[in-house]
Amino acid sequence: SPEESITPAKRERMRATASHYRQTHNKLPSLWRIDVVAVELNQNGKLSRIELIENAVSEA
């Protein structure tokens, strides 16, 4: 599933990217989160499911 493809390594890369972005854009709100949109297609390439995963990556 798309959710299972969010490995610990991918979470860490997203966290590092967000950290870098925040360091280079200093006028951002102090609270933030990373959401993921999971998209699943059927065998014909047609949309079968979309799911929003809020707070997919914590600040840790």
C-alpha atoms as a PDB file:
ATOM      1  CA  SER A   1       0.000   0.000   0.000  1.00  0.00           C
ATOM      2  CA  PRO A   2       1.148   3.603  -0.423  1.00  0.00           C
ATOM      3  CA  GLU A   3       1.215   4.045   3.349  1.00  0.00           C
ATOM      4  CA  GLU A   4       3.645   1.155   3.756  1.00  0.00           C
ATOM      5  CA  SER A   5       6.043   2.790   1.311  1.00  0.00           C
ATOM      6  CA  ILE A   6       6.715   5.581   3.824  1.00  0.00           C
ATOM      7  CA  THR A   7       9.778   3.925   5.323  1.00  0.00           C
ATOM      8  CA  PRO A   8      11.746   5.262   8.303  1.00  0.00           C
ATOM      9  CA  ALA A   9      14.415   6.446   5.840  1.00  0.00           C
ATOM     10  CA  LYS A  10      11.820   8.385   3.813  1.00  0.00           C
ATOM     11  CA  ARG A  11      10.420   9.902   7.006  1.00  0.00           C
ATOM     12  CA  GLU A  12      13.912  11.044   7.983  1.00  0.00           C
ATOM     13  CA  ARG A  13      14.514  12.596   4.533  1.00  0.00           C
ATOM     14  CA  MET A  14      11.197  14.451   4.749  1.00  0.00           C
ATOM     15  CA  ARG A  15      12.078  15.636   8.256  1.00  0.00           C
ATOM     16  CA  ALA A  16      15.525  16.831   7.105  1.00  0.00           C
ATOM     17  CA  THR A  17      14.040  18.588   4.067  1.00  0.00           C
ATOM     18  CA  ALA A  18      11.456  20.339   6.240  1.00  0.00           C
ATOM     19  CA  SER A  19      14.162  21.391   8.684  1.00  0.00           C
ATOM     20  CA  HIS A  20      16.290  22.853   5.894  1.00  0.00           C
ATOM     21  CA  TYR A  21      13.287  24.648   4.406  1.00  0.00           C
ATOM     22  CA  ARG A  22      12.410  26.156   7.786  1.00  0.00           C
ATOM     23  CA  GLN A  23      15.997  27.330   8.296  1.00  0.00           C
ATOM     24  CA  THR A  24      16.018  29.123   4.945  1.00  0.00           C
ATOM     25  CA  HIS A  25      12.509  30.627   5.220  1.00  0.00           C
ATOM     26  CA  ASN A  26      12.413  32.458   8.530  1.00  0.00           C
ATOM     27  CA  LYS A  27       8.935  34.007   8.273  1.00  0.00           C
ATOM     28  CA  LEU A  28       7.042  30.737   8.669  1.00  0.00           C
ATOM     29  CA  PRO A  29       4.612  29.928  11.484  1.00  0.00           C
ATOM     30  CA  SER A  30       6.198  28.109  14.406  1.00  0.00           C
ATOM     31  CA  LEU A  31       3.802  25.158  14.194  1.00  0.00           C
ATOM     32  CA  TRP A  32       4.123  22.792  11.247  1.00  0.00           C
ATOM     33  CA  ARG A  33       3.304  19.279  10.148  1.00  0.00           C
ATOM     34  CA  ILE A  34       3.961  17.000   7.216  1.00  0.00           C
ATOM     35  CA  ASP A  35       0.947  15.339   5.653  1.00  0.00           C
ATOM     36  CA  VAL A  36       1.090  12.646   2.992  1.00  0.00           C
ATOM     37  CA  VAL A  37      -1.480  11.955   0.305  1.00  0.00           C
ATOM     38  CA  ALA A  38      -1.575   8.226  -0.477  1.00  0.00           C
ATOM     39  CA  VAL A  39      -2.780   7.500  -4.006  1.00  0.00           C
ATOM     40  CA  GLU A  40      -3.569   3.983  -5.147  1.00  0.00           C
ATOM     41  CA  LEU A  41      -4.310   3.001  -8.746  1.00  0.00           C
ATOM     42  CA  ASN A  42      -5.981  -0.157 -10.005  1.00  0.00           C
ATOM     43  CA  GLN A  43      -4.475  -2.484 -12.617  1.00  0.00           C
ATOM     44  CA  ASN A  44      -5.821  -0.259 -15.403  1.00  0.00           C
ATOM     45  CA  GLY A  45      -4.092   2.800 -13.989  1.00  0.00           C
ATOM     46  CA  LYS A  46      -7.369   4.291 -12.794  1.00  0.00           C
ATOM     47  CA  LEU A  47      -7.714   5.899  -9.400  1.00  0.00           C
ATOM     48  CA  SER A  48      -8.855   3.401  -6.815  1.00  0.00           C
ATOM     49  CA  ARG A  49      -8.181   5.222  -3.531  1.00  0.00           C
ATOM     50  CA  ILE A  50      -6.903   8.507  -2.125  1.00  0.00           C
ATOM     51  CA  GLU A  51      -6.174   8.941   1.564  1.00  0.00           C
ATOM     52  CA  LEU A  52      -4.816  11.909   3.497  1.00  0.00           C
ATOM     53  CA  ILE A  53      -2.415  10.894   6.253  1.00  0.00           C
ATOM     54  CA  GLU A  54      -2.133  13.843   8.608  1.00  0.00           C
ATOM     55  CA  ASN A  55       1.048  14.252  10.653  1.00  0.00           C
ATOM     56  CA  ALA A  56       2.743  11.446   8.733  1.00  0.00           C
ATOM     57  CA  VAL A  57       6.116  12.663   9.968  1.00  0.00           C
ATOM     58  CA  SER A  58       6.672  13.941  13.481  1.00  0.00           C
ATOM     59  CA  GLU A  59       9.222  16.590  14.414  1.00  0.00           C
ATOM     60  CA  ALA A  60      11.240  14.209  16.615  1.00  0.00           C
END
